[in-house]
Amino acid sequence: MIGPAASTEEALELLETEHHIDGAVLDINLGGERSYQVADALRARAVPFVFATGYDSWNIPDTYASVPCLEKPVNTRALARLLSRN
């Protein structure tokens, strides 16, 4: 397990130093910044991920429409189901 990361910069640094990542749970808001750059880096590495957010789904750009999204507070059973699919 790696993380958590409190900022986009910190998350990207973790991605640079970790060679094997099975999956990720990504908050859309990291330290006041949108985490889409992290999402793109995860996609580039073919790392499955889900969004966990307090935002409504209509706030998420269409580019990420296929990414599973869980609303906060996250239901851990729903999270486990999503992660087991990937």
C-alpha atoms as a PDB file:
ATOM      1  CA  MET A   1       0.000   0.000   0.000  1.00  0.00           C
ATOM      2  CA  ILE A   2       1.179   3.478  -0.817  1.00  0.00           C
ATOM      3  CA  GLY A   3      -0.251   6.823   0.147  1.00  0.00           C
ATOM      4  CA  PRO A   4      -2.256   8.604   1.065  1.00  0.00           C
ATOM      5  CA  ALA A   5      -1.160  11.705  -0.821  1.00  0.00           C
ATOM      6  CA  ALA A   6      -2.423  15.109   0.274  1.00  0.00           C
ATOM      7  CA  SER A   7      -1.683  16.889  -3.006  1.00  0.00           C
ATOM      8  CA  THR A   8      -1.489  16.221  -6.728  1.00  0.00           C
ATOM      9  CA  GLU A   9       2.264  16.799  -6.601  1.00  0.00           C
ATOM     10  CA  GLU A  10       2.692  14.266  -3.800  1.00  0.00           C
ATOM     11  CA  ALA A  11       0.544  11.709  -5.634  1.00  0.00           C
ATOM     12  CA  LEU A  12       2.587  12.114  -8.817  1.00  0.00           C
ATOM     13  CA  GLU A  13       5.804  11.683  -6.830  1.00  0.00           C
ATOM     14  CA  LEU A  14       4.448   8.435  -5.379  1.00  0.00           C
ATOM     15  CA  LEU A  15       3.640   7.231  -8.894  1.00  0.00           C
ATOM     16  CA  GLU A  16       7.198   7.986 -10.000  1.00  0.00           C
ATOM     17  CA  THR A  17       8.778   6.031  -7.150  1.00  0.00           C
ATOM     18  CA  GLU A  18       6.457   3.017  -7.023  1.00  0.00           C
ATOM     19  CA  HIS A  19       6.996   0.420  -9.724  1.00  0.00           C
ATOM     20  CA  HIS A  20       4.010  -1.800  -9.026  1.00  0.00           C
ATOM     21  CA  ILE A  21       0.588  -0.424  -8.166  1.00  0.00           C
ATOM     22  CA  ASP A  22      -2.421  -2.753  -8.212  1.00  0.00           C
ATOM     23  CA  GLY A  23      -5.052  -0.037  -8.076  1.00  0.00           C
ATOM     24  CA  ALA A  24      -5.885   3.355  -6.649  1.00  0.00           C
ATOM     25  CA  VAL A  25      -8.635   5.275  -4.929  1.00  0.00           C
ATOM     26  CA  LEU A  26      -8.369   8.871  -6.065  1.00  0.00           C
ATOM     27  CA  ASP A  27     -10.102  11.859  -4.531  1.00  0.00           C
ATOM     28  CA  ILE A  28     -10.908  14.425  -7.204  1.00  0.00           C
ATOM     29  CA  ASN A  29      -9.874  17.246  -4.876  1.00  0.00           C
ATOM     30  CA  LEU A  30      -6.327  16.925  -3.578  1.00  0.00           C
ATOM     31  CA  GLY A  31      -5.217  19.926  -1.573  1.00  0.00           C
ATOM     32  CA  GLY A  32      -7.538  22.266  -3.450  1.00  0.00           C
ATOM     33  CA  GLU A  33      -6.434  20.981  -6.865  1.00  0.00           C
ATOM     34  CA  ARG A  34      -8.292  18.671  -9.202  1.00  0.00           C
ATOM     35  CA  SER A  35      -6.484  15.344  -9.459  1.00  0.00           C
ATOM     36  CA  TYR A  36      -7.073  14.709 -13.166  1.00  0.00           C
ATOM     37  CA  GLN A  37      -3.332  14.845 -13.865  1.00  0.00           C
ATOM     38  CA  VAL A  38      -2.941  11.926 -11.446  1.00  0.00           C
ATOM     39  CA  ALA A  39      -5.818  10.112 -13.140  1.00  0.00           C
ATOM     40  CA  ASP A  40      -4.066  10.557 -16.490  1.00  0.00           C
ATOM     41  CA  ALA A  41      -0.813   9.195 -15.044  1.00  0.00           C
ATOM     42  CA  LEU A  42      -2.656   6.169 -13.650  1.00  0.00           C
ATOM     43  CA  ARG A  43      -4.271   5.554 -17.040  1.00  0.00           C
ATOM     44  CA  ALA A  44      -0.902   5.839 -18.783  1.00  0.00           C
ATOM     45  CA  ARG A  45       0.408   3.088 -16.510  1.00  0.00           C
ATOM     46  CA  ALA A  46      -2.771   1.009 -16.954  1.00  0.00           C
ATOM     47  CA  VAL A  47      -3.450   1.159 -13.212  1.00  0.00           C
ATOM     48  CA  PRO A  48      -7.152   0.676 -12.451  1.00  0.00           C
ATOM     49  CA  PHE A  49      -8.617   3.370 -10.237  1.00  0.00           C
ATOM     50  CA  VAL A  50     -11.860   4.701  -8.847  1.00  0.00           C
ATOM     51  CA  PHE A  51     -12.796   8.221  -7.869  1.00  0.00           C
ATOM     52  CA  ALA A  52     -13.952   8.878  -4.324  1.00  0.00           C
ATOM     53  CA  THR A  53     -15.458  12.328  -4.101  1.00  0.00           C
ATOM     54  CA  GLY A  54     -17.967  14.658  -2.579  1.00  0.00           C
ATOM     55  CA  TYR A  55     -18.655  16.153  -6.005  1.00  0.00           C
ATOM     56  CA  ASP A  56     -21.690  15.246  -8.070  1.00  0.00           C
ATOM     57  CA  SER A  57     -20.934  13.106 -11.123  1.00  0.00           C
ATOM     58  CA  TRP A  58     -21.909  15.940 -13.494  1.00  0.00           C
ATOM     59  CA  ASN A  59     -18.823  17.844 -12.237  1.00  0.00           C
ATOM     60  CA  ILE A  60     -16.516  15.160 -13.633  1.00  0.00           C
ATOM     61  CA  PRO A  61     -15.310  15.780 -17.207  1.00  0.00           C
ATOM     62  CA  ASP A  62     -16.572  13.385 -19.888  1.00  0.00           C
ATOM     63  CA  THR A  63     -12.992  12.157 -20.347  1.00  0.00           C
ATOM     64  CA  TYR A  64     -13.443  10.254 -17.091  1.00  0.00           C
ATOM     65  CA  ALA A  65     -17.012   9.076 -17.637  1.00  0.00           C
ATOM     66  CA  SER A  66     -15.895   5.430 -17.634  1.00  0.00           C
ATOM     67  CA  VAL A  67     -14.113   5.729 -14.278  1.00  0.00           C
ATOM     68  CA  PRO A  68     -16.173   4.319 -11.410  1.00  0.00           C
ATOM     69  CA  CYS A  69     -17.093   7.015  -8.912  1.00  0.00           C
ATOM     70  CA  LEU A  70     -18.069   6.621  -5.278  1.00  0.00           C
ATOM     71  CA  GLU A  71     -19.585   9.467  -3.291  1.00  0.00           C
ATOM     72  CA  LYS A  72     -18.197  10.346   0.111  1.00  0.00           C
ATOM     73  CA  PRO A  73     -18.575   9.019   2.654  1.00  0.00           C
ATOM     74  CA  VAL A  74     -17.392   5.957   0.773  1.00  0.00           C
ATOM     75  CA  ASN A  75     -19.247   2.727   1.381  1.00  0.00           C
ATOM     76  CA  THR A  76     -16.419   0.254   1.954  1.00  0.00           C
ATOM     77  CA  ARG A  77     -18.435  -2.669   0.612  1.00  0.00           C
ATOM     78  CA  ALA A  78     -19.113  -0.805  -2.639  1.00  0.00           C
ATOM     79  CA  LEU A  79     -15.415   0.070  -2.844  1.00  0.00           C
ATOM     80  CA  ALA A  80     -14.407  -3.558  -2.342  1.00  0.00           C
ATOM     81  CA  ARG A  81     -16.820  -4.664  -5.097  1.00  0.00           C
ATOM     82  CA  LEU A  82     -15.418  -2.095  -7.541  1.00  0.00           C
ATOM     83  CA  LEU A  83     -11.818  -2.980  -6.787  1.00  0.00           C
ATOM     84  CA  SER A  84     -12.457  -6.696  -7.133  1.00  0.00           C
ATOM     85  CA  ARG A  85     -13.755  -6.130 -10.678  1.00  0.00           C
ATOM     86  CA  ASN A  86     -10.484  -4.616 -11.814  1.00  0.00           C
END
